[in-house]
PDB file of N, CA and C in Angstrom:
ATOM      1  N   MET A   1      49.552 169.958 -24.553  1.00  0.00           N
ATOM      2  CA  MET A   1      50.125 170.451 -23.306  1.00  0.00           C
ATOM      3  C   MET A   1      49.392 169.792 -22.135  1.00  0.00           C
ATOM      4  N   THR A   2      50.113 169.428 -21.101  1.00  0.00           N
ATOM      5  CA  THR A   2      49.501 168.775 -19.947  1.00  0.00           C
ATOM      6  C   THR A   2      49.149 169.802 -18.897  1.00  0.00           C
ATOM      7  N   SER A   3      48.158 169.447 -18.103  1.00  0.00           N
ATOM      8  CA  SER A   3      47.791 170.347 -17.006  1.00  0.00           C
ATOM      9  C   SER A   3      48.709 170.089 -15.824  1.00  0.00           C
ATOM     10  N   SER A   4      49.046 171.134 -15.111  1.00  0.00           N
ATOM     11  CA  SER A   4      49.933 170.951 -13.958  1.00  0.00           C
ATOM     12  C   SER A   4      49.100 170.690 -12.719  1.00  0.00           C
ATOM     13  N   GLY A   5      49.489 169.666 -11.990  1.00  0.00           N
ATOM     14  CA  GLY A   5      48.794 169.308 -10.765  1.00  0.00           C
ATOM     15  C   GLY A   5      49.629 169.663  -9.559  1.00  0.00           C
ATOM     16  N   ALA A   6      49.168 169.241  -8.393  1.00  0.00           N
ATOM     17  CA  ALA A   6      49.873 169.533  -7.141  1.00  0.00           C
ATOM     18  C   ALA A   6      51.258 168.896  -7.125  1.00  0.00           C
ATOM     19  N   ALA A   7      51.394 167.696  -7.717  1.00  0.00           N
ATOM     20  CA  ALA A   7      52.700 167.037  -7.736  1.00  0.00           C
ATOM     21  C   ALA A   7      53.693 167.852  -8.547  1.00  0.00           C
ATOM     22  N   ASP A   8      53.250 168.422  -9.673  1.00  0.00           N
ATOM     23  CA  ASP A   8      54.135 169.258 -10.481  1.00  0.00           C
ATOM     24  C   ASP A   8      54.544 170.510  -9.725  1.00  0.00           C
ATOM     25  N   ASP A   9      53.609 171.101  -8.985  1.00  0.00           N
ATOM     26  CA  ASP A   9      53.916 172.298  -8.212  1.00  0.00           C
ATOM     27  C   ASP A   9      54.947 172.000  -7.131  1.00  0.00           C
ATOM     28  N   ASP A  10      54.817 170.844  -6.467  1.00  0.00           N
ATOM     29  CA  ASP A  10      55.773 170.471  -5.425  1.00  0.00           C
ATOM     30  C   ASP A  10      57.162 170.254  -6.013  1.00  0.00           C
ATOM     31  N   ALA A  11      57.222 169.617  -7.206  1.00  0.00           N
ATOM     32  CA  ALA A  11      58.511 169.338  -7.828  1.00  0.00           C
ATOM     33  C   ALA A  11      59.202 170.623  -8.266  1.00  0.00           C
ATOM     34  N   ALA A  12      58.438 171.627  -8.633  1.00  0.00           N
ATOM     35  CA  ALA A  12      59.013 172.878  -9.131  1.00  0.00           C
ATOM     36  C   ALA A  12      59.290 173.884  -8.018  1.00  0.00           C
ATOM     37  N   ALA A  13      58.812 173.616  -6.814  1.00  0.00           N
ATOM     38  CA  ALA A  13      58.981 174.560  -5.711  1.00  0.00           C
ATOM     39  C   ALA A  13      60.447 174.657  -5.305  1.00  0.00           C
ATOM     40  N   LEU A  14      60.883 175.869  -5.022  1.00  0.00           N
ATOM     41  CA  LEU A  14      62.251 176.092  -4.567  1.00  0.00           C
ATOM     42  C   LEU A  14      62.357 175.832  -3.072  1.00  0.00           C
ATOM     43  N   THR A  15      63.523 175.403  -2.641  1.00  0.00           N
ATOM     44  CA  THR A  15      63.784 175.253  -1.214  1.00  0.00           C
ATOM     45  C   THR A  15      64.129 176.633  -0.638  1.00  0.00           C
ATOM     46  N   LEU A  16      64.117 176.743   0.679  1.00  0.00           N
ATOM     47  CA  LEU A  16      64.482 178.014   1.320  1.00  0.00           C
ATOM     48  C   LEU A  16      65.903 178.451   0.953  1.00  0.00           C
ATOM     49  N   PRO A  17      66.901 177.550   0.960  1.00  0.00           N
ATOM     50  CA  PRO A  17      68.248 177.989   0.563  1.00  0.00           C
ATOM     51  C   PRO A  17      68.298 178.502  -0.879  1.00  0.00           C
ATOM     52  N   GLU A  18      67.554 177.866  -1.775  1.00  0.00           N
ATOM     53  CA  GLU A  18      67.524 178.322  -3.164  1.00  0.00           C
ATOM     54  C   GLU A  18      66.886 179.704  -3.275  1.00  0.00           C
ATOM     55  N   GLU A  19      65.778 179.895  -2.563  1.00  0.00           N
ATOM     56  CA  GLU A  19      65.119 181.203  -2.572  1.00  0.00           C
ATOM     57  C   GLU A  19      66.035 182.281  -1.999  1.00  0.00           C
ATOM     58  N   LEU A  20      66.730 181.948  -0.924  1.00  0.00           N
ATOM     59  CA  LEU A  20      67.656 182.895  -0.308  1.00  0.00           C
ATOM     60  C   LEU A  20      68.723 183.342  -1.307  1.00  0.00           C
ATOM     61  N   LEU A  21      69.303 182.390  -2.006  1.00  0.00           N
ATOM     62  CA  LEU A  21      70.329 182.736  -2.984  1.00  0.00           C
ATOM     63  C   LEU A  21      69.772 183.624  -4.099  1.00  0.00           C
ATOM     64  N   LEU A  22      68.569 183.341  -4.526  1.00  0.00           N
ATOM     65  CA  LEU A  22      67.975 184.160  -5.592  1.00  0.00           C
ATOM     66  C   LEU A  22      67.763 185.606  -5.150  1.00  0.00           C
ATOM     67  N   ILE A  23      67.350 185.807  -3.901  1.00  0.00           N
ATOM     68  CA  ILE A  23      67.077 187.183  -3.469  1.00  0.00           C
ATOM     69  C   ILE A  23      68.326 187.928  -3.011  1.00  0.00           C
ATOM     70  N   THR A  24      69.410 187.209  -2.762  1.00  0.00           N
ATOM     71  CA  THR A  24      70.635 187.884  -2.300  1.00  0.00           C
ATOM     72  C   THR A  24      71.668 188.103  -3.402  1.00  0.00           C
ATOM     73  N   LEU A  25      71.418 187.566  -4.571  1.00  0.00           N
ATOM     74  CA  LEU A  25      72.356 187.753  -5.683  1.00  0.00           C
ATOM     75  C   LEU A  25      71.894 188.906  -6.563  1.00  0.00           C
ATOM     76  N   GLY A  26      72.838 189.748  -6.940  1.00  0.00           N
ATOM     77  CA  GLY A  26      72.531 190.885  -7.796  1.00  0.00           C
ATOM     78  C   GLY A  26      72.060 190.435  -9.172  1.00  0.00           C
ATOM     79  N   PRO A  27      71.084 191.117  -9.763  1.00  0.00           N
ATOM     80  CA  PRO A  27      70.525 190.690 -11.042  1.00  0.00           C
ATOM     81  C   PRO A  27      71.478 190.844 -12.229  1.00  0.00           C
ATOM     82  N   ARG A  28      72.391 191.767 -12.168  1.00  0.00           N
ATOM     83  CA  ARG A  28      73.281 192.005 -13.320  1.00  0.00           C
ATOM     84  C   ARG A  28      74.497 191.095 -13.333  1.00  0.00           C
ATOM     85  N   ARG A  29      75.202 191.045 -12.243  1.00  0.00           N
ATOM     86  CA  ARG A  29      76.455 190.278 -12.192  1.00  0.00           C
ATOM     87  C   ARG A  29      76.313 188.930 -11.494  1.00  0.00           C
ATOM     88  N   GLY A  30      75.226 188.741 -10.759  1.00  0.00           N
ATOM     89  CA  GLY A  30      75.031 187.486 -10.049  1.00  0.00           C
ATOM     90  C   GLY A  30      75.892 187.336  -8.815  1.00  0.00           C
ATOM     91  N   LYS A  31      76.426 188.456  -8.325  1.00  0.00           N
ATOM     92  CA  LYS A  31      77.258 188.423  -7.121  1.00  0.00           C
ATOM     93  C   LYS A  31      76.402 188.767  -5.909  1.00  0.00           C
ATOM     94  N   PRO A  32      76.783 188.248  -4.735  1.00  0.00           N
ATOM     95  CA  PRO A  32      76.003 188.526  -3.523  1.00  0.00           C
ATOM     96  C   PRO A  32      75.916 190.024  -3.228  1.00  0.00           C
ATOM     97  N   LEU A  33      74.744 190.437  -2.745  1.00  0.00           N
ATOM     98  CA  LEU A  33      74.513 191.826  -2.369  1.00  0.00           C
ATOM     99  C   LEU A  33      74.856 192.078  -0.903  1.00  0.00           C
ATOM    100  N   CYS A  34      75.375 191.064  -0.228  1.00  0.00           N
ATOM    101  CA  CYS A  34      75.737 191.196   1.185  1.00  0.00           C
ATOM    102  C   CYS A  34      77.114 190.564   1.385  1.00  0.00           C
ATOM    103  N   ARG A  35      77.621 190.663   2.601  1.00  0.00           N
ATOM    104  CA  ARG A  35      78.924 190.070   2.908  1.00  0.00           C
ATOM    105  C   ARG A  35      78.853 188.556   2.812  1.00  0.00           C
ATOM    106  N   ARG A  36      79.955 187.984   2.370  1.00  0.00           N
ATOM    107  CA  ARG A  36      80.024 186.533   2.178  1.00  0.00           C
ATOM    108  C   ARG A  36      79.705 185.769   3.466  1.00  0.00           C
ATOM    109  N   ARG A  37      80.266 186.187   4.571  1.00  0.00           N
ATOM    110  CA  ARG A  37      80.044 185.493   5.850  1.00  0.00           C
ATOM    111  C   ARG A  37      78.564 185.548   6.239  1.00  0.00           C
ATOM    112  N   SER A  38      77.920 186.687   6.025  1.00  0.00           N
ATOM    113  CA  SER A  38      76.490 186.816   6.332  1.00  0.00           C
ATOM    114  C   SER A  38      75.675 185.856   5.478  1.00  0.00           C
ATOM    115  N   LEU A  39      76.033 185.731   4.222  1.00  0.00           N
ATOM    116  CA  LEU A  39      75.328 184.822   3.326  1.00  0.00           C
ATOM    117  C   LEU A  39      75.542 183.368   3.743  1.00  0.00           C
ATOM    118  N   GLN A  40      76.736 183.035   4.205  1.00  0.00           N
ATOM    119  CA  GLN A  40      77.007 181.671   4.668  1.00  0.00           C
ATOM    120  C   GLN A  40      76.145 181.322   5.872  1.00  0.00           C
ATOM    121  N   TYR A  41      76.062 182.239   6.845  1.00  0.00           N
ATOM    122  CA  TYR A  41      75.221 181.991   8.025  1.00  0.00           C
ATOM    123  C   TYR A  41      73.751 181.902   7.648  1.00  0.00           C
ATOM    124  N   ALA A  42      73.318 182.784   6.765  1.00  0.00           N
ATOM    125  CA  ALA A  42      71.914 182.773   6.337  1.00  0.00           C
ATOM    126  C   ALA A  42      71.589 181.482   5.589  1.00  0.00           C
ATOM    127  N   ALA A  43      72.493 181.022   4.741  1.00  0.00           N
ATOM    128  CA  ALA A  43      72.267 179.785   3.990  1.00  0.00           C
ATOM    129  C   ALA A  43      72.203 178.582   4.937  1.00  0.00           C
ATOM    130  N   ALA A  44      73.088 178.553   5.924  1.00  0.00           N
ATOM    131  CA  ALA A  44      73.063 177.456   6.904  1.00  0.00           C
ATOM    132  C   ALA A  44      71.739 177.454   7.669  1.00  0.00           C
ATOM    133  N   GLY A  45      71.284 178.624   8.071  1.00  0.00           N
ATOM    134  CA  GLY A  45      69.998 178.723   8.760  1.00  0.00           C
ATOM    135  C   GLY A  45      68.837 178.308   7.873  1.00  0.00           C
ATOM    136  N   ALA A  46      68.906 178.669   6.591  1.00  0.00           N
ATOM    137  CA  ALA A  46      67.848 178.300   5.649  1.00  0.00           C
ATOM    138  C   ALA A  46      67.799 176.788   5.443  1.00  0.00           C
ATOM    139  N   VAL A  47      68.967 176.151   5.395  1.00  0.00           N
ATOM    140  CA  VAL A  47      69.020 174.690   5.257  1.00  0.00           C
ATOM    141  C   VAL A  47      68.385 174.037   6.483  1.00  0.00           C
ATOM    142  N   LEU A  48      68.761 174.489   7.677  1.00  0.00           N
ATOM    143  CA  LEU A  48      68.192 173.906   8.896  1.00  0.00           C
ATOM    144  C   LEU A  48      66.686 174.139   8.971  1.00  0.00           C
ATOM    145  N   ALA A  49      66.227 175.335   8.589  1.00  0.00           N
ATOM    146  CA  ALA A  49      64.784 175.626   8.598  1.00  0.00           C
ATOM    147  C   ALA A  49      64.045 174.732   7.601  1.00  0.00           C
ATOM    148  N   GLU A  50      64.633 174.518   6.447  1.00  0.00           N
ATOM    149  CA  GLU A  50      64.012 173.659   5.430  1.00  0.00           C
ATOM    150  C   GLU A  50      63.922 172.217   5.932  1.00  0.00           C
ATOM    151  N   LEU A  51      65.013 171.714   6.511  1.00  0.00           N
ATOM    152  CA  LEU A  51      65.009 170.351   7.035  1.00  0.00           C
ATOM    153  C   LEU A  51      64.017 170.187   8.180  1.00  0.00           C
ATOM    154  N   GLU A  52      63.924 171.193   9.049  1.00  0.00           N
ATOM    155  CA  GLU A  52      62.968 171.114  10.150  1.00  0.00           C
ATOM    156  C   GLU A  52      61.535 171.196   9.630  1.00  0.00           C
ATOM    157  N   GLY A  53      61.299 172.064   8.666  1.00  0.00           N
ATOM    158  CA  GLY A  53      59.961 172.185   8.087  1.00  0.00           C
ATOM    159  C   GLY A  53      59.483 170.914   7.408  1.00  0.00           C
ATOM    160  N   ARG A  54      60.417 170.140   6.882  1.00  0.00           N
ATOM    161  CA  ARG A  54      60.074 168.875   6.226  1.00  0.00           C
ATOM    162  C   ARG A  54      60.056 167.705   7.201  1.00  0.00           C
ATOM    163  N   GLY A  55      60.396 167.953   8.467  1.00  0.00           N
ATOM    164  CA  GLY A  55      60.347 166.902   9.473  1.00  0.00           C
ATOM    165  C   GLY A  55      61.576 166.023   9.543  1.00  0.00           C
ATOM    166  N   HIS A  56      62.681 166.456   8.966  1.00  0.00           N
ATOM    167  CA  HIS A  56      63.898 165.640   8.978  1.00  0.00           C
ATOM    168  C   HIS A  56      64.771 165.898  10.199  1.00  0.00           C
ATOM    169  N   ILE A  57      64.639 167.058  10.815  1.00  0.00           N
ATOM    170  CA  ILE A  57      65.351 167.343  12.065  1.00  0.00           C
ATOM    171  C   ILE A  57      64.379 168.011  13.026  1.00  0.00           C
ATOM    172  N   THR A  58      64.690 167.922  14.295  1.00  0.00           N
ATOM    173  CA  THR A  58      63.926 168.600  15.332  1.00  0.00           C
ATOM    174  C   THR A  58      64.902 169.253  16.298  1.00  0.00           C
ATOM    175  N   GLU A  59      64.399 170.139  17.113  1.00  0.00           N
ATOM    176  CA  GLU A  59      65.220 170.789  18.141  1.00  0.00           C
ATOM    177  C   GLU A  59      64.578 170.483  19.477  1.00  0.00           C
ATOM    178  N   GLU A  60      65.398 170.024  20.396  1.00  0.00           N
ATOM    179  CA  GLU A  60      64.897 169.696  21.723  1.00  0.00           C
ATOM    180  C   GLU A  60      65.913 170.139  22.759  1.00  0.00           C
ATOM    181  N   ARG A  61      65.543 171.095  23.588  1.00  0.00           N
ATOM    182  CA  ARG A  61      66.416 171.631  24.636  1.00  0.00           C
ATOM    183  C   ARG A  61      67.750 172.127  24.083  1.00  0.00           C
ATOM    184  N   GLY A  62      67.693 172.832  22.962  1.00  0.00           N
ATOM    185  CA  GLY A  62      68.897 173.390  22.378  1.00  0.00           C
ATOM    186  C   GLY A  62      69.746 172.419  21.588  1.00  0.00           C
ATOM    187  N   ARG A  63      69.279 171.197  21.443  1.00  0.00           N
ATOM    188  CA  ARG A  63      70.030 170.180  20.684  1.00  0.00           C
ATOM    189  C   ARG A  63      69.273 169.830  19.417  1.00  0.00           C
ATOM    190  N   MET A  64      70.006 169.736  18.331  1.00  0.00           N
ATOM    191  CA  MET A  64      69.417 169.342  17.073  1.00  0.00           C
ATOM    192  C   MET A  64      69.385 167.821  17.012  1.00  0.00           C
ATOM    193  N   ARG A  65      68.268 167.295  16.558  1.00  0.00           N
ATOM    194  CA  ARG A  65      68.128 165.844  16.463  1.00  0.00           C
ATOM    195  C   ARG A  65      67.621 165.478  15.073  1.00  0.00           C
ATOM    196  N   THR A  66      68.198 164.421  14.496  1.00  0.00           N
ATOM    197  CA  THR A  66      67.693 163.936  13.225  1.00  0.00           C
ATOM    198  C   THR A  66      66.464 163.093  13.503  1.00  0.00           C
ATOM    199  N   ALA A  67      65.530 163.113  12.576  1.00  0.00           N
ATOM    200  CA  ALA A  67      64.287 162.372  12.741  1.00  0.00           C
ATOM    201  C   ALA A  67      64.135 161.408  11.575  1.00  0.00           C
ATOM    202  N   ASP A  68      63.459 160.317  11.818  1.00  0.00           N
ATOM    203  CA  ASP A  68      63.162 159.376  10.739  1.00  0.00           C
ATOM    204  C   ASP A  68      61.910 159.876  10.037  1.00  0.00           C
ATOM    205  N   SER A  69      62.105 160.437   8.868  1.00  0.00           N
ATOM    206  CA  SER A  69      61.001 160.984   8.094  1.00  0.00           C
ATOM    207  C   SER A  69      60.835 160.176   6.817  1.00  0.00           C
ATOM    208  N   PRO A  70      59.595 159.798   6.497  1.00  0.00           N
ATOM    209  CA  PRO A  70      59.375 159.026   5.272  1.00  0.00           C
ATOM    210  C   PRO A  70      59.474 159.873   3.999  1.00  0.00           C
ATOM    211  N   ASP A  71      59.407 161.192   4.138  1.00  0.00           N
ATOM    212  CA  ASP A  71      59.458 162.066   2.972  1.00  0.00           C
ATOM    213  C   ASP A  71      60.860 162.091   2.385  1.00  0.00           C
ATOM    214  N   PRO A  72      60.962 162.112   1.043  1.00  0.00           N
ATOM    215  CA  PRO A  72      62.290 162.211   0.431  1.00  0.00           C
ATOM    216  C   PRO A  72      62.926 163.565   0.718  1.00  0.00           C
ATOM    217  N   VAL A  73      64.231 163.575   0.843  1.00  0.00           N
ATOM    218  CA  VAL A  73      64.951 164.793   1.177  1.00  0.00           C
ATOM    219  C   VAL A  73      65.213 165.641  -0.061  1.00  0.00           C
ATOM    220  N   GLY A  74      65.561 165.012  -1.168  1.00  0.00           N
ATOM    221  CA  GLY A  74      65.886 165.738  -2.389  1.00  0.00           C
ATOM    222  C   GLY A  74      67.383 165.828  -2.575  1.00  0.00           C
ATOM    223  N   PRO A  75      67.822 166.064  -3.818  1.00  0.00           N
ATOM    224  CA  PRO A  75      69.257 166.036  -4.113  1.00  0.00           C
ATOM    225  C   PRO A  75      70.056 167.170  -3.478  1.00  0.00           C
ATOM    226  N   LEU A  76      69.451 168.311  -3.237  1.00  0.00           N
ATOM    227  CA  LEU A  76      70.168 169.430  -2.626  1.00  0.00           C
ATOM    228  C   LEU A  76      70.365 169.225  -1.128  1.00  0.00           C
ATOM    229  N   LEU A  77      69.326 168.748  -0.444  1.00  0.00           N
ATOM    230  CA  LEU A  77      69.373 168.649   1.013  1.00  0.00           C
ATOM    231  C   LEU A  77      69.921 167.317   1.525  1.00  0.00           C
ATOM    232  N   ALA A  78      69.898 166.266   0.710  1.00  0.00           N
ATOM    233  CA  ALA A  78      70.342 164.942   1.164  1.00  0.00           C
ATOM    234  C   ALA A  78      71.772 164.941   1.700  1.00  0.00           C
ATOM    235  N   PRO A  79      72.761 165.501   0.980  1.00  0.00           N
ATOM    236  CA  PRO A  79      74.123 165.477   1.530  1.00  0.00           C
ATOM    237  C   PRO A  79      74.261 166.338   2.786  1.00  0.00           C
ATOM    238  N   LEU A  80      73.468 167.390   2.875  1.00  0.00           N
ATOM    239  CA  LEU A  80      73.537 168.248   4.061  1.00  0.00           C
ATOM    240  C   LEU A  80      72.941 167.538   5.274  1.00  0.00           C
ATOM    241  N   LEU A  81      71.825 166.840   5.069  1.00  0.00           N
ATOM    242  CA  LEU A  81      71.230 166.068   6.161  1.00  0.00           C
ATOM    243  C   LEU A  81      72.181 164.954   6.583  1.00  0.00           C
ATOM    244  N   HIS A  82      72.802 164.289   5.614  1.00  0.00           N
ATOM    245  CA  HIS A  82      73.739 163.205   5.924  1.00  0.00           C
ATOM    246  C   HIS A  82      74.937 163.725   6.725  1.00  0.00           C
ATOM    247  N   SER A  83      75.361 164.959   6.458  1.00  0.00           N
ATOM    248  CA  SER A  83      76.521 165.520   7.166  1.00  0.00           C
ATOM    249  C   SER A  83      76.235 165.778   8.640  1.00  0.00           C
ATOM    250  N   LEU A  84      74.963 165.838   9.010  1.00  0.00           N
ATOM    251  CA  LEU A  84      74.605 166.061  10.416  1.00  0.00           C
ATOM    252  C   LEU A  84      74.822 164.814  11.249  1.00  0.00           C
ATOM    253  N   GLY A  85      74.893 163.669  10.628  1.00  0.00           N
ATOM    254  CA  GLY A  85      75.111 162.426  11.352  1.00  0.00           C
ATOM    255  C   GLY A  85      73.812 161.706  11.622  1.00  0.00           C
ATOM    256  N   GLN A  86      73.955 160.475  12.007  1.00  0.00           N
ATOM    257  CA  GLN A  86      72.804 159.642  12.308  1.00  0.00           C
ATOM    258  C   GLN A  86      72.490 159.731  13.798  1.00  0.00           C
ATOM    259  N   PRO A  87      71.224 159.449  14.159  1.00  0.00           N
ATOM    260  CA  PRO A  87      70.892 159.456  15.586  1.00  0.00           C
ATOM    261  C   PRO A  87      71.765 158.465  16.350  1.00  0.00           C
ATOM    262  N   GLU A  88      72.260 158.916  17.492  1.00  0.00           N
ATOM    263  CA  GLU A  88      73.078 158.052  18.326  1.00  0.00           C
ATOM    264  C   GLU A  88      72.173 157.324  19.309  1.00  0.00           C
ATOM    265  N   LEU A  89      72.552 156.127  19.718  1.00  0.00           N
ATOM    266  CA  LEU A  89      71.769 155.359  20.676  1.00  0.00           C
ATOM    267  C   LEU A  89      72.431 155.439  22.040  1.00  0.00           C
ATOM    268  N   ASN A  90      71.592 155.619  23.065  1.00  0.00           N
ATOM    269  CA  ASN A  90      72.139 155.623  24.414  1.00  0.00           C
ATOM    270  C   ASN A  90      72.225 154.183  24.927  1.00  0.00           C
ATOM    271  N   ARG A  91      72.529 153.988  26.187  1.00  0.00           N
ATOM    272  CA  ARG A  91      72.705 152.645  26.734  1.00  0.00           C
ATOM    273  C   ARG A  91      71.465 151.776  26.601  1.00  0.00           C
ATOM    274  N   ARG A  92      70.298 152.400  26.586  1.00  0.00           N
ATOM    275  CA  ARG A  92      69.047 151.649  26.477  1.00  0.00           C
ATOM    276  C   ARG A  92      68.649 151.387  25.029  1.00  0.00           C
ATOM    277  N   GLY A  93      69.454 151.860  24.072  1.00  0.00           N
ATOM    278  CA  GLY A  93      69.135 151.662  22.663  1.00  0.00           C
ATOM    279  C   GLY A  93      68.141 152.677  22.127  1.00  0.00           C
ATOM    280  N   ILE A  94      67.976 153.787  22.851  1.00  0.00           N
ATOM    281  CA  ILE A  94      67.041 154.842  22.448  1.00  0.00           C
ATOM    282  C   ILE A  94      67.819 155.932  21.733  1.00  0.00           C
ATOM    283  N   SER A  95      67.254 156.413  20.645  1.00  0.00           N
ATOM    284  CA  SER A  95      67.909 157.456  19.863  1.00  0.00           C
ATOM    285  C   SER A  95      68.117 158.701  20.717  1.00  0.00           C
ATOM    286  N   ALA A  96      69.334 159.234  20.683  1.00  0.00           N
ATOM    287  CA  ALA A  96      69.661 160.434  21.465  1.00  0.00           C
ATOM    288  C   ALA A  96      69.964 161.616  20.550  1.00  0.00           C
ATOM    289  N   GLY A  97      69.566 161.541  19.293  1.00  0.00           N
ATOM    290  CA  GLY A  97      69.812 162.659  18.381  1.00  0.00           C
ATOM    291  C   GLY A  97      71.125 162.496  17.652  1.00  0.00           C
ATOM    292  N   CYS A  98      71.492 163.529  16.919  1.00  0.00           N
ATOM    293  CA  CYS A  98      72.705 163.436  16.094  1.00  0.00           C
ATOM    294  C   CYS A  98      73.951 163.811  16.874  1.00  0.00           C
ATOM    295  N   GLY A  99      73.806 164.247  18.114  1.00  0.00           N
ATOM    296  CA  GLY A  99      74.965 164.614  18.896  1.00  0.00           C
ATOM    297  C   GLY A  99      75.410 166.045  18.692  1.00  0.00           C
ATOM    298  N   CYS A 100      74.687 166.788  17.874  1.00  0.00           N
ATOM    299  CA  CYS A 100      75.046 168.173  17.608  1.00  0.00           C
ATOM    300  C   CYS A 100      74.328 169.083  18.588  1.00  0.00           C
ATOM    301  N   THR A 101      75.000 170.079  19.059  1.00  0.00           N
ATOM    302  CA  THR A 101      74.385 171.081  19.920  1.00  0.00           C
ATOM    303  C   THR A 101      74.353 172.397  19.162  1.00  0.00           C
ATOM    304  N   ALA A 102      73.185 173.003  19.109  1.00  0.00           N
ATOM    305  CA  ALA A 102      73.055 174.270  18.382  1.00  0.00           C
ATOM    306  C   ALA A 102      73.998 175.293  18.976  1.00  0.00           C
ATOM    307  N   GLY A 103      74.795 175.917  18.114  1.00  0.00           N
ATOM    308  CA  GLY A 103      75.664 176.995  18.545  1.00  0.00           C
ATOM    309  C   GLY A 103      77.033 176.576  19.050  1.00  0.00           C
ATOM    310  N   THR A 104      77.279 175.268  19.166  1.00  0.00           N
ATOM    311  CA  THR A 104      78.593 174.826  19.627  1.00  0.00           C
ATOM    312  C   THR A 104      79.145 173.806  18.655  1.00  0.00           C
ATOM    313  N   PRO A 105      80.448 173.784  18.451  1.00  0.00           N
ATOM    314  CA  PRO A 105      81.026 172.787  17.541  1.00  0.00           C
ATOM    315  C   PRO A 105      80.933 171.405  18.145  1.00  0.00           C
ATOM    316  N   ARG A 106      80.884 170.421  17.278  1.00  0.00           N
ATOM    317  CA  ARG A 106      80.775 169.043  17.708  1.00  0.00           C
ATOM    318  C   ARG A 106      82.104 168.491  18.128  1.00  0.00           C
TER     319      ARG A 106
END
């Protein structure tokens, strides 16, 4: 048997959205213990918190911005980060974020 190191612990760690789903699903039937819409909002918030905690997005003046982070995103979060869009460049060629505004549709 091999000893588990820090790398093994990181690989086995759950993301915030995964943890949220585990605590909101009933143990017997596996169905949500709350309203579906509430779970959708909570999951979206958990994804954004996870991405921000890993340095992949930032918030500046109420606007969400994607960041160039060298850390891998992982198979669960990669498509979600990609759906936010790439940083847009302004006239000077400076990144202006993903163009998303928190709380308003794009």
